[in-house]
């Protein structure tokens, strides 16, 4: 008896279509309607609202699976915060990356004071069994307060010019913010950026440090892991 395409329970579209749509949405600066058109060209008729629900339902789940598969971060962490304007109000996106540019954690908060910095540090360390050797931040004093309380044994370094790694990691966020015409709420920003940072980063190695062969192997491995972590049961 032939088997039907793998699917997720409760969804009539094949799993391959669903995780491909999520891949397109998080990896490229495409709108939901753009993805609707791409799928239609391939013979898959689905509305952009269905794609939006797929991303809401599975995006965070897929990102969490990729997070478990990522290699251990480096021992130097860069931290930075950037403002987000949401419904006319200013919020701050806190971000931590290692020296290789791998995003460790992000958090959207209303403030950037010491309390917010300590909350960010504590959320960052949840589930981690190791601590960095060095933390590099900009001149915001809140980081120093949080570091002395939460990570007292870590060597801090404050430098505007050494923190380019964290500042550059904000660029994909800015592109998506413009394309989406700003985020609708802090919760929406937190949901989307948490998933986007992990899925986007999974497929974006530091290509300028690789040979062509190394890059192709890295790309193939990333695609293989993506298929493994987004697989679904087969209905017989």
Protein backbone atom coordinates (compact mmCIF):
# COMPACT_ATOMS: atom_id res chain seq x y z
CA UNK A 1 0.00 0.00 0.00
CA UNK A 2 1.56 3.36 -0.96
CA UNK A 3 2.26 5.82 1.79
CA UNK A 4 1.03 9.39 1.83
CA UNK A 5 3.44 12.31 2.30
CA UNK A 6 4.53 12.97 5.89
CA UNK A 7 2.29 15.43 7.64
CA UNK A 8 1.91 17.11 11.01
CA UNK A 9 -1.11 16.03 13.08
CA UNK A 10 -4.08 18.29 12.40
CA UNK A 11 -2.66 19.83 9.21
CA UNK A 12 -3.77 18.80 5.75
CA UNK A 13 -0.73 20.10 3.89
CA UNK A 14 2.37 17.88 3.73
CA UNK A 15 5.08 18.58 6.26
CA UNK A 16 7.52 19.29 3.42
CA UNK A 17 5.36 22.22 2.29
CA UNK A 18 4.97 23.61 5.81
CA UNK A 19 8.61 23.53 6.82
CA UNK A 20 9.65 24.83 3.38
CA UNK A 21 7.37 27.86 3.85
CA UNK A 22 8.83 28.49 7.31
CA UNK A 23 12.34 28.16 5.88
CA UNK A 24 11.56 30.74 3.19
CA UNK A 25 10.02 33.16 5.68
CA UNK A 26 12.89 33.14 8.17
CA UNK A 27 15.81 32.84 5.80
CA UNK A 28 14.89 35.44 3.20
CA UNK A 29 13.32 38.89 3.38
CA UNK A 30 10.00 37.70 1.97
CA UNK A 31 6.51 38.66 2.98
CA UNK A 32 3.82 36.07 3.62
CA UNK A 33 2.20 37.03 0.31
CA UNK A 34 5.53 36.55 -1.48
CA UNK A 35 5.72 33.00 -0.12
CA UNK A 36 2.10 32.41 -1.10
CA UNK A 37 3.05 33.32 -4.68
CA UNK A 38 6.18 31.14 -4.68
CA UNK A 39 4.19 28.13 -3.50
CA UNK A 40 1.44 28.84 -6.03
CA UNK A 41 4.03 28.76 -8.83
CA UNK A 42 4.89 25.25 -7.64
CA UNK A 43 1.26 24.15 -7.64
CA UNK A 44 0.56 24.57 -3.92
CA UNK A 45 -2.49 26.75 -3.35
CA UNK A 46 -2.42 28.11 0.20
CA UNK A 47 -3.32 31.48 1.69
CA UNK A 48 -0.82 33.80 3.35
CA UNK A 49 -2.87 33.52 6.57
CA UNK A 50 -2.24 29.78 6.68
CA UNK A 51 1.47 30.42 6.24
CA UNK A 52 1.36 32.95 9.07
CA UNK A 53 -0.25 30.34 11.35
CA UNK A 54 2.36 27.77 10.35
CA UNK A 55 5.13 30.18 11.31
CA UNK A 56 3.43 30.95 14.63
CA UNK A 57 2.88 27.29 15.41
CA UNK A 58 6.18 25.78 14.33
CA UNK A 59 8.77 28.56 14.08
CA UNK A 60 9.70 28.62 17.77
CA UNK A 61 9.62 24.82 17.98
CA UNK A 62 12.00 24.40 15.05
CA UNK A 63 14.32 27.09 16.43
CA UNK A 64 14.46 25.31 19.81
CA UNK A 65 15.48 22.07 18.10
CA UNK A 66 18.22 23.82 16.15
CA UNK A 67 19.44 25.47 19.36
CA UNK A 68 20.03 22.05 20.88
CA UNK A 69 22.06 20.98 17.84
CA UNK A 70 24.32 24.01 17.70
CA UNK A 71 27.96 23.58 18.76
CA UNK A 72 29.13 24.90 22.09
CA UNK A 73 29.52 28.71 21.90
CA UNK A 74 32.90 30.35 22.11
CA UNK A 75 34.31 31.66 25.38
CA UNK A 76 34.05 35.35 24.45
CA UNK A 77 30.58 36.84 24.43
CA UNK A 78 29.60 40.17 22.90
CA UNK A 79 26.52 41.99 24.16
CA UNK A 80 24.67 44.94 22.75
CA UNK A 81 21.22 46.52 22.76
CA UNK A 82 19.37 48.40 20.04
CA UNK A 83 16.09 50.26 20.14
CA UNK A 84 12.88 49.09 18.49
CA UNK A 85 9.98 51.44 17.91
CA UNK A 86 6.72 49.55 18.41
CA UNK A 87 3.38 51.35 18.19
CA UNK A 88 5.10 54.67 18.83
CA UNK A 89 6.92 53.45 21.96
CA UNK A 90 10.60 52.68 22.38
CA UNK A 91 11.69 49.20 23.40
CA UNK A 92 15.16 47.67 23.51
CA UNK A 93 16.37 44.49 21.89
CA UNK A 94 19.15 42.93 23.98
CA UNK A 95 21.39 40.51 22.11
CA UNK A 96 24.32 38.27 23.01
CA UNK A 97 26.59 36.60 20.44
CA UNK A 98 29.87 34.74 20.72
CA UNK A 99 33.10 35.64 18.93
CA UNK A 100 31.98 33.59 15.92
CA UNK A 101 28.80 35.61 15.50
CA UNK A 102 26.47 32.86 16.75
CA UNK A 103 23.43 34.41 18.43
CA UNK A 104 23.12 33.10 21.99
CA UNK A 105 19.99 34.87 23.16
CA UNK A 106 17.80 37.90 22.54
CA UNK A 107 15.31 39.65 24.78
CA UNK A 108 12.93 42.56 24.09
CA UNK A 109 12.49 44.84 27.12
CA UNK A 110 11.08 48.26 27.91
CA UNK A 111 14.19 49.50 29.73
CA UNK A 112 17.95 49.23 29.55
CA UNK A 113 18.72 49.81 33.21
CA UNK A 114 20.49 47.50 35.66
CA UNK A 115 17.33 45.50 36.38
CA UNK A 116 16.82 44.85 32.67
CA UNK A 117 20.48 43.88 32.25
CA UNK A 118 20.31 41.39 35.14
CA UNK A 119 17.14 39.87 33.71
CA UNK A 120 18.87 39.49 30.35
CA UNK A 121 21.92 37.81 31.91
CA UNK A 122 19.79 35.37 33.88
CA UNK A 123 17.66 34.43 30.87
CA UNK A 124 20.80 33.99 28.79
CA UNK A 125 22.30 31.52 31.25
CA UNK A 126 19.18 29.34 31.57
CA UNK A 127 20.03 25.84 30.40
CA UNK A 128 23.72 26.59 29.84
CA UNK A 129 26.26 24.48 31.72
CA UNK A 130 29.17 26.81 31.10
CA UNK A 131 30.10 30.45 31.39
CA UNK A 132 32.18 32.70 29.14
CA UNK A 133 35.77 33.62 29.85
CA UNK A 134 35.26 37.23 28.76
CA UNK A 135 32.32 39.54 28.09
CA UNK A 136 32.66 42.51 25.74
CA UNK A 137 30.07 45.29 25.96
CA UNK A 138 29.66 48.90 24.95
CA UNK A 139 29.74 51.75 27.45
CA UNK A 140 26.33 51.04 29.04
CA UNK A 141 26.94 50.85 32.80
CA UNK A 142 24.02 48.48 33.35
CA UNK A 143 26.14 45.65 31.98
CA UNK A 144 28.76 46.14 34.68
CA UNK A 145 26.16 45.98 37.45
CA UNK A 146 24.65 42.79 36.04
CA UNK A 147 28.03 41.20 35.39
CA UNK A 148 29.25 41.74 38.95
CA UNK A 149 26.09 40.20 40.37
CA UNK A 150 25.31 37.38 37.94
CA UNK A 151 28.76 36.53 36.48
CA UNK A 152 31.27 37.72 39.09
CA UNK A 153 34.09 35.47 37.89
CA UNK A 154 33.98 36.59 34.27
CA UNK A 155 36.41 39.19 32.97
CA UNK A 156 34.53 42.19 31.53
CA UNK A 157 35.80 44.38 28.72
CA UNK A 158 34.18 47.63 27.67
CA UNK A 159 35.02 48.80 24.19
CA UNK A 160 33.05 50.57 21.53
CA UNK A 161 35.23 49.22 18.74
CA UNK A 162 35.63 45.61 19.88
CA UNK A 163 31.87 45.09 19.98
CA UNK A 164 31.28 45.14 16.23
CA UNK A 165 30.39 41.45 16.32
CA UNK A 166 27.21 42.16 18.31
CA UNK A 167 26.39 45.34 16.41
CA UNK A 168 26.65 43.59 13.04
CA UNK A 169 24.26 40.88 14.20
CA UNK A 170 21.51 43.51 14.39
CA UNK A 171 21.54 44.02 10.60
CA UNK A 172 19.22 41.09 9.71
CA UNK A 173 16.81 42.37 12.37
CA UNK A 174 16.74 45.83 10.83
CA UNK A 175 16.10 44.40 7.37
CA UNK A 176 13.16 42.35 8.57
CA UNK A 177 11.82 45.24 10.64
CA UNK A 178 11.68 47.41 7.51
CA UNK A 179 10.20 44.66 5.39
CA UNK A 180 7.49 43.92 7.99
CA UNK A 181 6.81 47.65 8.47
CA UNK A 182 7.76 47.41 12.13
CA UNK A 183 6.71 44.87 14.71
CA UNK A 184 3.14 44.89 15.99
CA UNK A 185 3.87 44.38 19.70
CA UNK A 186 6.77 43.49 22.03
CA UNK A 187 5.44 39.93 22.18
CA UNK A 188 5.40 39.73 18.38
CA UNK A 189 8.97 41.04 18.20
CA UNK A 190 10.17 38.56 20.85
CA UNK A 191 8.46 35.62 19.16
CA UNK A 192 9.66 36.40 15.67
CA UNK A 193 13.23 37.47 16.47
CA UNK A 194 13.90 34.50 18.78
CA UNK A 195 12.99 32.06 16.01
CA UNK A 196 14.52 34.14 13.22
CA UNK A 197 17.89 34.53 14.92
CA UNK A 198 18.31 30.77 15.31
CA UNK A 199 16.92 29.66 11.92
CA UNK A 200 18.66 32.43 9.96
CA UNK A 201 21.95 31.90 11.77
CA UNK A 202 21.81 28.14 11.23
CA UNK A 203 22.15 28.70 7.46
CA UNK A 204 24.61 31.61 7.63
CA UNK A 205 28.14 30.38 8.43
CA UNK A 206 31.08 32.74 8.19
CA UNK A 207 31.54 32.12 4.49
CA UNK A 208 34.41 34.56 4.08
CA UNK A 209 36.55 32.29 6.29
CA UNK A 210 35.79 29.14 4.30
CA UNK A 211 36.94 27.65 1.05
CA UNK A 212 34.27 26.86 -1.55
CA UNK A 213 34.39 23.19 -0.61
CA UNK A 214 34.08 23.90 3.10
CA UNK A 215 31.14 26.17 2.49
CA UNK A 216 29.31 23.58 0.40
CA UNK A 217 29.83 20.93 3.08
CA UNK A 218 28.64 23.35 5.77
CA UNK A 219 25.56 24.21 3.71
CA UNK A 220 24.74 20.55 3.07
CA UNK A 221 25.09 19.77 6.77
CA UNK A 222 22.81 22.67 7.72
CA UNK A 223 20.15 21.48 5.27
CA UNK A 224 20.47 17.91 6.52
CA UNK A 225 20.00 18.99 10.15
CA UNK A 226 17.03 21.16 9.16
CA UNK A 227 15.31 18.22 7.46
CA UNK A 228 16.01 15.96 10.44
CA UNK A 229 14.65 18.40 13.00
CA UNK A 230 11.55 19.32 11.00
CA UNK A 231 10.61 15.78 10.02
CA UNK A 232 7.10 14.47 10.69
CA UNK A 233 5.50 11.09 10.99
CA UNK A 234 4.57 9.18 7.85
CA UNK A 235 0.90 8.27 7.47
CA UNK A 236 0.49 4.80 6.01
